[in-house]
């Protein structure tokens, strides 16, 4: 499938990196700018640096050729794209199956991911942050502002840290806090926004992440019982097929209507009905999860199936794609209280 449109890069992005981000691709995309190849994106998502091809303040033609490939072909395409295209298997949902957008990045140290973990029974909040581009000899501080609408309700600062304190490129810090407004299936309106920034210790702000929307809640299992925010909950479940039926059902309004209808007759828990996470198994879940947050519907979210990956080679755990794909699905779901 081929896609093409004109893009205008904002003039205020001068001096910043310009990237094209695709949230869900089935399965292999080649990106061109003004007819010149700029890069590739492979299932399930990725980005291409367009800094050398795009000029801030100017208009360009962006083209994408997306080839539907099964999982085995996607992994083979890293070394042999021609052979990968010869592997035949039906891919049910093809092409760009999620949002595609331009983003700008600061050229130096930056925040690449932020996860919020909340605990009701321990009364604490944790911020797990991925950072890139840190210098060896500098000290840094993370600042987290939690807002309810336009009102800041709490501010948290990490202790100063250095690059060698990161684990797998991430640093986490925890603070005591338990707000009065908890997200629950009966109070889904209780949402917060995290505004996270990153500074040199005693110095200027180096980067600020886009706002992260989250709810303060905790779900746990004790023996045979499920608990949500300290109250035992009985789950009544049905499958949710919106991401398999089509784009008209996977948008926010349609997903919200589906879950509200289920909630009206006593359902409080749905499971995503894809039993695998291979190319073509589903469309993007972004709007569906946002709708579940808004309705107050708990969701069991499918992860990649261990048996769909090759494990025979000595370095399979490093190169077969399972770890990268599992991490992608964790990032998709990690800040949704549902």
C-alpha atoms as a PDB file:
ATOM      1  CA  UNK A   1       0.000   0.000   0.000  1.00  0.00           C
ATOM      2  CA  UNK A   2       1.222   3.507  -0.822  1.00  0.00           C
ATOM      3  CA  UNK A   3       0.579   6.687   1.142  1.00  0.00           C
ATOM      4  CA  UNK A   4       1.546  10.250   0.229  1.00  0.00           C
ATOM      5  CA  UNK A   5       0.878  13.740   1.518  1.00  0.00           C
ATOM      6  CA  UNK A   6       2.455  17.169   1.787  1.00  0.00           C
ATOM      7  CA  UNK A   7       3.947  18.127   5.127  1.00  0.00           C
ATOM      8  CA  UNK A   8       5.081  21.528   6.392  1.00  0.00           C
ATOM      9  CA  UNK A   9       7.691  21.482   9.136  1.00  0.00           C
ATOM     10  CA  UNK A  10       7.070  24.243  11.730  1.00  0.00           C
ATOM     11  CA  UNK A  11       9.619  27.032  11.514  1.00  0.00           C
ATOM     12  CA  UNK A  12      10.103  26.985  15.304  1.00  0.00           C
ATOM     13  CA  UNK A  13      11.659  23.497  15.012  1.00  0.00           C
ATOM     14  CA  UNK A  14      14.909  25.032  13.764  1.00  0.00           C
ATOM     15  CA  UNK A  15      17.866  23.424  15.553  1.00  0.00           C
ATOM     16  CA  UNK A  16      15.852  20.373  16.634  1.00  0.00           C
ATOM     17  CA  UNK A  17      15.776  16.823  15.287  1.00  0.00           C
ATOM     18  CA  UNK A  18      12.746  16.050  13.132  1.00  0.00           C
ATOM     19  CA  UNK A  19      11.366  12.505  13.241  1.00  0.00           C
ATOM     20  CA  UNK A  20       8.485  10.665  11.647  1.00  0.00           C
ATOM     21  CA  UNK A  21       6.716   8.422  14.159  1.00  0.00           C
ATOM     22  CA  UNK A  22       4.409   5.550  13.137  1.00  0.00           C
ATOM     23  CA  UNK A  23       2.473   3.980  16.016  1.00  0.00           C
ATOM     24  CA  UNK A  24       1.377   0.727  14.354  1.00  0.00           C
ATOM     25  CA  UNK A  25       2.637  -0.634  11.029  1.00  0.00           C
ATOM     26  CA  UNK A  26       1.618  -3.858   9.281  1.00  0.00           C
ATOM     27  CA  UNK A  27       4.335  -4.704   8.487  1.00  0.00           C
ATOM     28  CA  UNK A  28       7.300  -3.053   6.696  1.00  0.00           C
ATOM     29  CA  UNK A  29       7.387   0.594   5.578  1.00  0.00           C
ATOM     30  CA  UNK A  30       9.871   2.454   3.382  1.00  0.00           C
ATOM     31  CA  UNK A  31       9.820   6.244   3.880  1.00  0.00           C
ATOM     32  CA  UNK A  32      10.699   8.788   1.168  1.00  0.00           C
ATOM     33  CA  UNK A  33      10.884  12.576   1.353  1.00  0.00           C
ATOM     34  CA  UNK A  34      10.684  14.459  -1.961  1.00  0.00           C
ATOM     35  CA  UNK A  35      11.364  11.187  -3.752  1.00  0.00           C
ATOM     36  CA  UNK A  36      14.522  10.335  -1.785  1.00  0.00           C
ATOM     37  CA  UNK A  37      14.678   7.345   0.534  1.00  0.00           C
ATOM     38  CA  UNK A  38      14.831   8.448   4.184  1.00  0.00           C
ATOM     39  CA  UNK A  39      14.550   5.186   6.147  1.00  0.00           C
ATOM     40  CA  UNK A  40      12.508   2.147   7.138  1.00  0.00           C
ATOM     41  CA  UNK A  41       9.995   1.245   9.842  1.00  0.00           C
ATOM     42  CA  UNK A  42       9.191  -2.330  10.846  1.00  0.00           C
ATOM     43  CA  UNK A  43       6.313  -3.892  12.764  1.00  0.00           C
ATOM     44  CA  UNK A  44       4.990  -2.971  15.215  1.00  0.00           C
ATOM     45  CA  UNK A  45       6.118   0.683  15.343  1.00  0.00           C
ATOM     46  CA  UNK A  46       9.101   2.930  14.879  1.00  0.00           C
ATOM     47  CA  UNK A  47      10.464   6.213  13.697  1.00  0.00           C
ATOM     48  CA  UNK A  48      12.685   7.664  10.988  1.00  0.00           C
ATOM     49  CA  UNK A  49      14.965  10.670  11.476  1.00  0.00           C
ATOM     50  CA  UNK A  50      14.051  13.212   8.784  1.00  0.00           C
ATOM     51  CA  UNK A  51      16.382  15.969   9.993  1.00  0.00           C
ATOM     52  CA  UNK A  52      18.627  15.763   6.918  1.00  0.00           C
ATOM     53  CA  UNK A  53      15.689  15.623   4.504  1.00  0.00           C
ATOM     54  CA  UNK A  54      13.339  18.273   5.944  1.00  0.00           C
ATOM     55  CA  UNK A  55      13.907  21.967   6.501  1.00  0.00           C
ATOM     56  CA  UNK A  56      11.922  23.860   9.170  1.00  0.00           C
ATOM     57  CA  UNK A  57       9.486  26.289   7.602  1.00  0.00           C
ATOM     58  CA  UNK A  58       9.419  24.416   4.277  1.00  0.00           C
ATOM     59  CA  UNK A  59       6.921  22.067   2.631  1.00  0.00           C
ATOM     60  CA  UNK A  60       7.895  18.569   1.504  1.00  0.00           C
ATOM     61  CA  UNK A  61       6.236  15.512  -0.024  1.00  0.00           C
ATOM     62  CA  UNK A  62       6.218  12.537   2.331  1.00  0.00           C
ATOM     63  CA  UNK A  63       5.683   9.087   0.785  1.00  0.00           C
ATOM     64  CA  UNK A  64       5.409   5.683   2.444  1.00  0.00           C
ATOM     65  CA  UNK A  65       5.295   2.274   0.800  1.00  0.00           C
ATOM     66  CA  UNK A  66       3.965  -0.312   3.267  1.00  0.00           C
ATOM     67  CA  UNK A  67       4.386  -4.021   2.512  1.00  0.00           C
ATOM     68  CA  UNK A  68       2.322  -6.618   4.413  1.00  0.00           C
ATOM     69  CA  UNK A  69       4.641  -9.336   5.764  1.00  0.00           C
ATOM     70  CA  UNK A  70       4.153 -12.150   8.298  1.00  0.00           C
ATOM     71  CA  UNK A  71       6.277 -12.104  11.441  1.00  0.00           C
ATOM     72  CA  UNK A  72       9.010 -14.372  10.043  1.00  0.00           C
ATOM     73  CA  UNK A  73       9.437 -12.117   7.016  1.00  0.00           C
ATOM     74  CA  UNK A  74       9.622  -9.002   9.185  1.00  0.00           C
ATOM     75  CA  UNK A  75      12.536 -10.463  11.135  1.00  0.00           C
ATOM     76  CA  UNK A  76      14.237 -11.664   7.937  1.00  0.00           C
ATOM     77  CA  UNK A  77      13.907  -8.162   6.447  1.00  0.00           C
ATOM     78  CA  UNK A  78      16.582  -6.861   8.844  1.00  0.00           C
ATOM     79  CA  UNK A  79      19.175  -8.779   6.796  1.00  0.00           C
ATOM     80  CA  UNK A  80      17.514  -9.654   3.470  1.00  0.00           C
ATOM     81  CA  UNK A  81      14.509  -7.578   2.396  1.00  0.00           C
ATOM     82  CA  UNK A  82      14.270  -9.235  -1.028  1.00  0.00           C
ATOM     83  CA  UNK A  83      13.956 -12.739   0.444  1.00  0.00           C
ATOM     84  CA  UNK A  84      11.546 -11.507   3.117  1.00  0.00           C
ATOM     85  CA  UNK A  85       9.067 -10.415   0.460  1.00  0.00           C
ATOM     86  CA  UNK A  86       8.963 -13.954  -0.967  1.00  0.00           C
ATOM     87  CA  UNK A  87       7.506 -15.456   2.225  1.00  0.00           C
ATOM     88  CA  UNK A  88       3.793 -15.943   1.606  1.00  0.00           C
ATOM     89  CA  UNK A  89       1.172 -15.737   4.307  1.00  0.00           C
ATOM     90  CA  UNK A  90      -2.023 -13.768   4.707  1.00  0.00           C
ATOM     91  CA  UNK A  91      -1.824 -10.579   6.769  1.00  0.00           C
ATOM     92  CA  UNK A  92      -5.403  -9.650   7.663  1.00  0.00           C
ATOM     93  CA  UNK A  93      -5.018  -5.953   8.527  1.00  0.00           C
ATOM     94  CA  UNK A  94      -2.491  -4.236   6.288  1.00  0.00           C
ATOM     95  CA  UNK A  95      -0.758  -0.899   5.994  1.00  0.00           C
ATOM     96  CA  UNK A  96      -0.752   1.934   8.514  1.00  0.00           C
ATOM     97  CA  UNK A  97      -3.021   0.759  11.328  1.00  0.00           C
ATOM     98  CA  UNK A  98      -2.368   3.547  13.852  1.00  0.00           C
ATOM     99  CA  UNK A  99      -1.417   7.215  13.986  1.00  0.00           C
ATOM    100  CA  UNK A 100       1.513   8.649  12.008  1.00  0.00           C
ATOM    101  CA  UNK A 101       2.908  12.047  12.962  1.00  0.00           C
ATOM    102  CA  UNK A 102       5.904  14.356  12.910  1.00  0.00           C
ATOM    103  CA  UNK A 103       7.712  15.149  16.141  1.00  0.00           C
ATOM    104  CA  UNK A 104      10.669  17.295  17.086  1.00  0.00           C
ATOM    105  CA  UNK A 105      13.409  16.334  19.528  1.00  0.00           C
ATOM    106  CA  UNK A 106      16.063  18.314  21.338  1.00  0.00           C
ATOM    107  CA  UNK A 107      19.508  17.425  19.952  1.00  0.00           C
ATOM    108  CA  UNK A 108      21.097  16.644  23.339  1.00  0.00           C
ATOM    109  CA  UNK A 109      19.974  14.677  26.426  1.00  0.00           C
ATOM    110  CA  UNK A 110      16.269  13.886  26.365  1.00  0.00           C
ATOM    111  CA  UNK A 111      13.393  11.935  27.874  1.00  0.00           C
ATOM    112  CA  UNK A 112      12.323   9.028  25.649  1.00  0.00           C
ATOM    113  CA  UNK A 113       9.662   7.340  27.833  1.00  0.00           C
ATOM    114  CA  UNK A 114       7.889   7.860  31.155  1.00  0.00           C
ATOM    115  CA  UNK A 115       5.889   5.321  33.150  1.00  0.00           C
ATOM    116  CA  UNK A 116       3.811   6.151  36.234  1.00  0.00           C
ATOM    117  CA  UNK A 117       3.283   3.412  38.858  1.00  0.00           C
ATOM    118  CA  UNK A 118       0.799   4.060  41.669  1.00  0.00           C
ATOM    119  CA  UNK A 119       0.184   2.151  44.902  1.00  0.00           C
ATOM    120  CA  UNK A 120      -2.925   2.756  46.974  1.00  0.00           C
ATOM    121  CA  UNK A 121      -2.163   0.480  49.917  1.00  0.00           C
ATOM    122  CA  UNK A 122       1.423   1.782  50.198  1.00  0.00           C
ATOM    123  CA  UNK A 123       0.426   5.396  49.459  1.00  0.00           C
ATOM    124  CA  UNK A 124       3.168   6.121  46.961  1.00  0.00           C
ATOM    125  CA  UNK A 125       3.833   7.100  43.373  1.00  0.00           C
ATOM    126  CA  UNK A 126       6.817   6.066  41.252  1.00  0.00           C
ATOM    127  CA  UNK A 127       8.199   7.572  38.055  1.00  0.00           C
ATOM    128  CA  UNK A 128      10.153   5.225  35.795  1.00  0.00           C
ATOM    129  CA  UNK A 129      11.882   7.269  33.082  1.00  0.00           C
ATOM    130  CA  UNK A 130      13.980   6.359  30.034  1.00  0.00           C
ATOM    131  CA  UNK A 131      16.710   8.876  29.165  1.00  0.00           C
ATOM    132  CA  UNK A 132      19.064   9.221  26.216  1.00  0.00           C
ATOM    133  CA  UNK A 133      22.184  11.225  25.443  1.00  0.00           C
ATOM    134  CA  UNK A 134      23.454  11.796  28.986  1.00  0.00           C
ATOM    135  CA  UNK A 135      27.045  12.924  29.518  1.00  0.00           C
ATOM    136  CA  UNK A 136      29.401  10.830  31.656  1.00  0.00           C
ATOM    137  CA  UNK A 137      30.411  13.489  34.188  1.00  0.00           C
ATOM    138  CA  UNK A 138      27.184  15.494  34.665  1.00  0.00           C
ATOM    139  CA  UNK A 139      24.529  15.262  37.361  1.00  0.00           C
ATOM    140  CA  UNK A 140      20.847  15.467  36.518  1.00  0.00           C
ATOM    141  CA  UNK A 141      17.464  15.936  38.238  1.00  0.00           C
ATOM    142  CA  UNK A 142      13.965  14.903  37.156  1.00  0.00           C
ATOM    143  CA  UNK A 143      11.037  17.130  38.107  1.00  0.00           C
ATOM    144  CA  UNK A 144       7.488  15.751  38.078  1.00  0.00           C
ATOM    145  CA  UNK A 145       4.458  18.043  38.298  1.00  0.00           C
ATOM    146  CA  UNK A 146       1.102  16.293  38.725  1.00  0.00           C
ATOM    147  CA  UNK A 147      -1.891  18.328  37.578  1.00  0.00           C
ATOM    148  CA  UNK A 148      -5.648  17.936  37.982  1.00  0.00           C
ATOM    149  CA  UNK A 149      -6.918  19.858  34.983  1.00  0.00           C
ATOM    150  CA  UNK A 150      -5.023  23.151  34.988  1.00  0.00           C
ATOM    151  CA  UNK A 151      -4.238  22.980  38.717  1.00  0.00           C
ATOM    152  CA  UNK A 152      -0.927  21.534  39.936  1.00  0.00           C
ATOM    153  CA  UNK A 153      -1.655  19.257  42.895  1.00  0.00           C
ATOM    154  CA  UNK A 154       1.830  17.934  43.703  1.00  0.00           C
ATOM    155  CA  UNK A 155       5.447  18.481  42.696  1.00  0.00           C
ATOM    156  CA  UNK A 156       8.187  15.868  43.070  1.00  0.00           C
ATOM    157  CA  UNK A 157      11.951  16.036  42.453  1.00  0.00           C
ATOM    158  CA  UNK A 158      14.351  13.146  42.137  1.00  0.00           C
ATOM    159  CA  UNK A 159      17.697  13.038  43.878  1.00  0.00           C
ATOM    160  CA  UNK A 160      20.642  14.063  41.656  1.00  0.00           C
ATOM    161  CA  UNK A 161      21.922  11.162  39.576  1.00  0.00           C
ATOM    162  CA  UNK A 162      24.554  10.367  36.954  1.00  0.00           C
ATOM    163  CA  UNK A 163      24.488   8.291  33.786  1.00  0.00           C
ATOM    164  CA  UNK A 164      26.133   5.244  35.402  1.00  0.00           C
ATOM    165  CA  UNK A 165      23.168   4.964  37.802  1.00  0.00           C
ATOM    166  CA  UNK A 166      20.764   4.164  34.963  1.00  0.00           C
ATOM    167  CA  UNK A 167      19.701   0.542  34.428  1.00  0.00           C
ATOM    168  CA  UNK A 168      18.970  -0.342  30.796  1.00  0.00           C
ATOM    169  CA  UNK A 169      18.785   3.369  30.090  1.00  0.00           C
ATOM    170  CA  UNK A 170      16.166   4.046  32.801  1.00  0.00           C
ATOM    171  CA  UNK A 171      16.047   5.691  36.216  1.00  0.00           C
ATOM    172  CA  UNK A 172      13.173   5.533  38.717  1.00  0.00           C
ATOM    173  CA  UNK A 173      12.272   7.451  41.869  1.00  0.00           C
ATOM    174  CA  UNK A 174       9.439   6.994  44.355  1.00  0.00           C
ATOM    175  CA  UNK A 175       7.608   9.479  46.599  1.00  0.00           C
ATOM    176  CA  UNK A 176       4.916   9.166  49.251  1.00  0.00           C
ATOM    177  CA  UNK A 177       1.529  10.368  48.008  1.00  0.00           C
ATOM    178  CA  UNK A 178      -2.054   9.152  48.045  1.00  0.00           C
ATOM    179  CA  UNK A 179      -4.572  11.562  46.517  1.00  0.00           C
ATOM    180  CA  UNK A 180      -8.195  11.728  47.600  1.00  0.00           C
ATOM    181  CA  UNK A 181      -9.388  11.204  44.016  1.00  0.00           C
ATOM    182  CA  UNK A 182      -8.710   7.629  42.891  1.00  0.00           C
ATOM    183  CA  UNK A 183      -9.465   6.181  39.471  1.00  0.00           C
ATOM    184  CA  UNK A 184     -12.021   3.372  39.776  1.00  0.00           C
ATOM    185  CA  UNK A 185     -14.656   1.720  37.617  1.00  0.00           C
ATOM    186  CA  UNK A 186     -17.214   4.064  39.267  1.00  0.00           C
ATOM    187  CA  UNK A 187     -14.998   7.182  39.182  1.00  0.00           C
ATOM    188  CA  UNK A 188     -13.255   7.080  35.782  1.00  0.00           C
ATOM    189  CA  UNK A 189     -13.224  10.882  35.633  1.00  0.00           C
ATOM    190  CA  UNK A 190     -10.478  10.954  38.284  1.00  0.00           C
ATOM    191  CA  UNK A 191      -7.503  11.388  35.952  1.00  0.00           C
ATOM    192  CA  UNK A 192      -4.267  13.341  36.310  1.00  0.00           C
ATOM    193  CA  UNK A 193      -1.562  14.608  33.963  1.00  0.00           C
ATOM    194  CA  UNK A 194       2.155  14.272  34.583  1.00  0.00           C
ATOM    195  CA  UNK A 195       4.410  17.079  33.334  1.00  0.00           C
ATOM    196  CA  UNK A 196       7.948  15.745  33.466  1.00  0.00           C
ATOM    197  CA  UNK A 197      11.102  17.774  32.894  1.00  0.00           C
ATOM    198  CA  UNK A 198      14.773  16.952  32.980  1.00  0.00           C
ATOM    199  CA  UNK A 199      17.560  19.301  34.086  1.00  0.00           C
ATOM    200  CA  UNK A 200      21.201  19.487  34.913  1.00  0.00           C
ATOM    201  CA  UNK A 201      21.561  19.659  38.693  1.00  0.00           C
ATOM    202  CA  UNK A 202      21.400  23.375  39.456  1.00  0.00           C
ATOM    203  CA  UNK A 203      21.156  24.203  35.759  1.00  0.00           C
ATOM    204  CA  UNK A 204      18.769  24.749  32.876  1.00  0.00           C
ATOM    205  CA  UNK A 205      15.989  22.458  31.675  1.00  0.00           C
ATOM    206  CA  UNK A 206      17.304  20.100  29.012  1.00  0.00           C
ATOM    207  CA  UNK A 207      14.036  18.502  27.921  1.00  0.00           C
ATOM    208  CA  UNK A 208      10.342  18.330  28.817  1.00  0.00           C
ATOM    209  CA  UNK A 209       8.193  15.334  27.924  1.00  0.00           C
ATOM    210  CA  UNK A 210       4.739  15.545  26.432  1.00  0.00           C
ATOM    211  CA  UNK A 211       2.040  15.323  29.150  1.00  0.00           C
ATOM    212  CA  UNK A 212       1.386  11.782  30.400  1.00  0.00           C
ATOM    213  CA  UNK A 213      -2.237  11.032  31.312  1.00  0.00           C
ATOM    214  CA  UNK A 214      -2.724   8.558  34.173  1.00  0.00           C
ATOM    215  CA  UNK A 215      -5.033   7.522  37.002  1.00  0.00           C
ATOM    216  CA  UNK A 216      -4.052   6.758  40.584  1.00  0.00           C
ATOM    217  CA  UNK A 217      -5.240   3.217  41.331  1.00  0.00           C
ATOM    218  CA  UNK A 218      -3.993  -0.242  42.270  1.00  0.00           C
ATOM    219  CA  UNK A 219      -5.225  -3.701  41.271  1.00  0.00           C
ATOM    220  CA  UNK A 220      -3.900  -6.784  43.042  1.00  0.00           C
ATOM    221  CA  UNK A 221      -4.661 -10.443  43.706  1.00  0.00           C
ATOM    222  CA  UNK A 222      -4.754 -11.986  47.181  1.00  0.00           C
ATOM    223  CA  UNK A 223      -5.361 -15.732  47.072  1.00  0.00           C
ATOM    224  CA  UNK A 224      -8.471 -16.212  44.963  1.00  0.00           C
ATOM    225  CA  UNK A 225      -9.706 -12.646  45.391  1.00  0.00           C
ATOM    226  CA  UNK A 226      -9.223  -9.573  43.197  1.00  0.00           C
ATOM    227  CA  UNK A 227      -8.898  -6.130  44.776  1.00  0.00           C
ATOM    228  CA  UNK A 228      -9.183  -2.674  43.224  1.00  0.00           C
ATOM    229  CA  UNK A 229      -8.070   0.157  45.504  1.00  0.00           C
ATOM    230  CA  UNK A 230      -8.451  -2.066  48.540  1.00  0.00           C
ATOM    231  CA  UNK A 231     -11.997  -3.246  47.811  1.00  0.00           C
ATOM    232  CA  UNK A 232     -12.723  -6.801  46.685  1.00  0.00           C
ATOM    233  CA  UNK A 233     -14.083  -6.805  43.142  1.00  0.00           C
ATOM    234  CA  UNK A 234     -15.925  -9.528  41.218  1.00  0.00           C
ATOM    235  CA  UNK A 235     -15.076  -9.480  37.517  1.00  0.00           C
ATOM    236  CA  UNK A 236     -17.724 -10.048  34.858  1.00  0.00           C
ATOM    237  CA  UNK A 237     -16.056 -10.378  31.476  1.00  0.00           C
ATOM    238  CA  UNK A 238     -16.649 -10.457  27.719  1.00  0.00           C
ATOM    239  CA  UNK A 239     -14.185 -10.248  24.796  1.00  0.00           C
ATOM    240  CA  UNK A 240     -13.629  -6.908  23.058  1.00  0.00           C
ATOM    241  CA  UNK A 241     -13.274  -7.188  19.266  1.00  0.00           C
ATOM    242  CA  UNK A 242     -13.147  -3.526  18.199  1.00  0.00           C
ATOM    243  CA  UNK A 243      -9.468  -3.661  17.190  1.00  0.00           C
ATOM    244  CA  UNK A 244     -10.146  -6.695  15.011  1.00  0.00           C
ATOM    245  CA  UNK A 245     -13.397  -5.563  13.333  1.00  0.00           C
ATOM    246  CA  UNK A 246     -12.153  -2.378  11.677  1.00  0.00           C
ATOM    247  CA  UNK A 247     -11.069   1.246  12.003  1.00  0.00           C
ATOM    248  CA  UNK A 248     -14.668   2.473  12.349  1.00  0.00           C
ATOM    249  CA  UNK A 249     -14.920   0.489  15.612  1.00  0.00           C
ATOM    250  CA  UNK A 250     -11.396   1.127  16.918  1.00  0.00           C
ATOM    251  CA  UNK A 251     -11.723   4.901  17.322  1.00  0.00           C
ATOM    252  CA  UNK A 252     -12.479   6.543  20.675  1.00  0.00           C
ATOM    253  CA  UNK A 253     -16.218   7.183  20.214  1.00  0.00           C
ATOM    254  CA  UNK A 254     -17.016   3.717  18.864  1.00  0.00           C
ATOM    255  CA  UNK A 255     -14.923   1.932  21.501  1.00  0.00           C
ATOM    256  CA  UNK A 256     -16.497   3.988  24.269  1.00  0.00           C
ATOM    257  CA  UNK A 257     -19.980   3.152  23.001  1.00  0.00           C
ATOM    258  CA  UNK A 258     -19.153  -0.578  22.886  1.00  0.00           C
ATOM    259  CA  UNK A 259     -17.841  -0.601  26.455  1.00  0.00           C
ATOM    260  CA  UNK A 260     -20.600   1.610  27.825  1.00  0.00           C
ATOM    261  CA  UNK A 261     -23.168  -0.784  26.352  1.00  0.00           C
ATOM    262  CA  UNK A 262     -21.423  -3.722  28.041  1.00  0.00           C
ATOM    263  CA  UNK A 263     -21.176  -1.825  31.308  1.00  0.00           C
ATOM    264  CA  UNK A 264     -24.916  -1.122  31.239  1.00  0.00           C
ATOM    265  CA  UNK A 265     -25.684  -4.844  31.634  1.00  0.00           C
ATOM    266  CA  UNK A 266     -23.087  -5.555  34.329  1.00  0.00           C
ATOM    267  CA  UNK A 267     -19.777  -6.094  32.512  1.00  0.00           C
ATOM    268  CA  UNK A 268     -16.797  -4.476  34.249  1.00  0.00           C
ATOM    269  CA  UNK A 269     -13.918  -6.299  32.556  1.00  0.00           C
ATOM    270  CA  UNK A 270     -13.045  -6.994  28.902  1.00  0.00           C
ATOM    271  CA  UNK A 271     -10.171  -8.843  27.295  1.00  0.00           C
ATOM    272  CA  UNK A 272      -8.629  -7.908  23.966  1.00  0.00           C
ATOM    273  CA  UNK A 273      -9.668 -10.696  21.633  1.00  0.00           C
ATOM    274  CA  UNK A 274      -6.386 -11.118  19.725  1.00  0.00           C
ATOM    275  CA  UNK A 275      -4.704 -14.318  20.934  1.00  0.00           C
ATOM    276  CA  UNK A 276      -1.494 -13.291  19.211  1.00  0.00           C
ATOM    277  CA  UNK A 277       0.370 -10.097  18.462  1.00  0.00           C
ATOM    278  CA  UNK A 278       1.655 -10.828  14.986  1.00  0.00           C
ATOM    279  CA  UNK A 279       1.446  -8.480  11.981  1.00  0.00           C
ATOM    280  CA  UNK A 280      -2.189  -8.065  11.013  1.00  0.00           C
ATOM    281  CA  UNK A 281      -3.683  -9.457  14.222  1.00  0.00           C
ATOM    282  CA  UNK A 282      -5.201  -6.125  15.238  1.00  0.00           C
ATOM    283  CA  UNK A 283      -5.353  -2.379  14.691  1.00  0.00           C
ATOM    284  CA  UNK A 284      -4.001   0.211  17.133  1.00  0.00           C
ATOM    285  CA  UNK A 285      -5.316  -0.016  20.698  1.00  0.00           C
ATOM    286  CA  UNK A 286      -4.526   3.597  21.609  1.00  0.00           C
ATOM    287  CA  UNK A 287      -8.067   4.974  21.285  1.00  0.00           C
ATOM    288  CA  UNK A 288      -9.627   1.817  22.718  1.00  0.00           C
ATOM    289  CA  UNK A 289      -7.570   2.018  25.916  1.00  0.00           C
ATOM    290  CA  UNK A 290      -8.284   5.729  26.264  1.00  0.00           C
ATOM    291  CA  UNK A 291     -11.999   4.954  25.965  1.00  0.00           C
ATOM    292  CA  UNK A 292     -11.693   2.224  28.637  1.00  0.00           C
ATOM    293  CA  UNK A 293     -10.111   4.784  30.966  1.00  0.00           C
ATOM    294  CA  UNK A 294     -13.019   7.144  30.358  1.00  0.00           C
ATOM    295  CA  UNK A 295     -15.767   4.566  30.793  1.00  0.00           C
ATOM    296  CA  UNK A 296     -14.258   2.773  33.799  1.00  0.00           C
ATOM    297  CA  UNK A 297     -13.739  -0.619  32.173  1.00  0.00           C
ATOM    298  CA  UNK A 298     -10.922  -2.940  33.234  1.00  0.00           C
ATOM    299  CA  UNK A 299      -8.964  -4.480  30.357  1.00  0.00           C
ATOM    300  CA  UNK A 300      -6.847  -7.635  30.065  1.00  0.00           C
ATOM    301  CA  UNK A 301      -4.319  -6.759  27.370  1.00  0.00           C
ATOM    302  CA  UNK A 302      -2.781  -9.445  25.149  1.00  0.00           C
ATOM    303  CA  UNK A 303       1.004  -9.795  24.899  1.00  0.00           C
ATOM    304  CA  UNK A 304       3.082 -11.482  22.161  1.00  0.00           C
ATOM    305  CA  UNK A 305       2.804 -15.270  22.185  1.00  0.00           C
ATOM    306  CA  UNK A 306       6.058 -17.003  23.115  1.00  0.00           C
ATOM    307  CA  UNK A 307       5.410 -19.773  20.596  1.00  0.00           C
ATOM    308  CA  UNK A 308       5.263 -17.408  17.610  1.00  0.00           C
ATOM    309  CA  UNK A 309       9.011 -16.695  17.782  1.00  0.00           C
ATOM    310  CA  UNK A 310      12.094 -18.675  16.789  1.00  0.00           C
ATOM    311  CA  UNK A 311      14.132 -19.862  19.790  1.00  0.00           C
ATOM    312  CA  UNK A 312      16.573 -22.355  18.222  1.00  0.00           C
ATOM    313  CA  UNK A 313      19.563 -20.100  17.511  1.00  0.00           C
ATOM    314  CA  UNK A 314      22.051 -19.412  20.349  1.00  0.00           C
ATOM    315  CA  UNK A 315      21.278 -15.680  20.391  1.00  0.00           C
ATOM    316  CA  UNK A 316      17.526 -16.030  19.809  1.00  0.00           C
ATOM    317  CA  UNK A 317      16.551 -14.018  22.877  1.00  0.00           C
ATOM    318  CA  UNK A 318      18.523 -11.076  21.487  1.00  0.00           C
ATOM    319  CA  UNK A 319      17.583 -11.176  17.793  1.00  0.00           C
ATOM    320  CA  UNK A 320      14.213 -12.919  17.387  1.00  0.00           C
ATOM    321  CA  UNK A 321      12.203  -9.773  18.153  1.00  0.00           C
ATOM    322  CA  UNK A 322      10.216 -11.081  21.126  1.00  0.00           C
ATOM    323  CA  UNK A 323      11.750  -8.702  23.703  1.00  0.00           C
ATOM    324  CA  UNK A 324      11.311  -5.624  21.491  1.00  0.00           C
ATOM    325  CA  UNK A 325       7.721  -6.497  20.639  1.00  0.00           C
ATOM    326  CA  UNK A 326       6.804  -7.268  24.269  1.00  0.00           C
ATOM    327  CA  UNK A 327       8.308  -3.921  25.330  1.00  0.00           C
ATOM    328  CA  UNK A 328       6.202  -2.161  22.679  1.00  0.00           C
ATOM    329  CA  UNK A 329       2.957  -3.617  24.068  1.00  0.00           C
ATOM    330  CA  UNK A 330       3.961  -2.710  27.625  1.00  0.00           C
ATOM    331  CA  UNK A 331       4.521   0.909  26.547  1.00  0.00           C
ATOM    332  CA  UNK A 332       1.127   0.978  24.816  1.00  0.00           C
ATOM    333  CA  UNK A 333      -0.702   0.010  28.014  1.00  0.00           C
ATOM    334  CA  UNK A 334       1.560   1.194  30.830  1.00  0.00           C
ATOM    335  CA  UNK A 335      -0.103   4.509  31.772  1.00  0.00           C
ATOM    336  CA  UNK A 336      -3.737   3.538  31.215  1.00  0.00           C
ATOM    337  CA  UNK A 337      -5.462   2.948  34.588  1.00  0.00           C
ATOM    338  CA  UNK A 338      -7.945   0.634  32.891  1.00  0.00           C
END
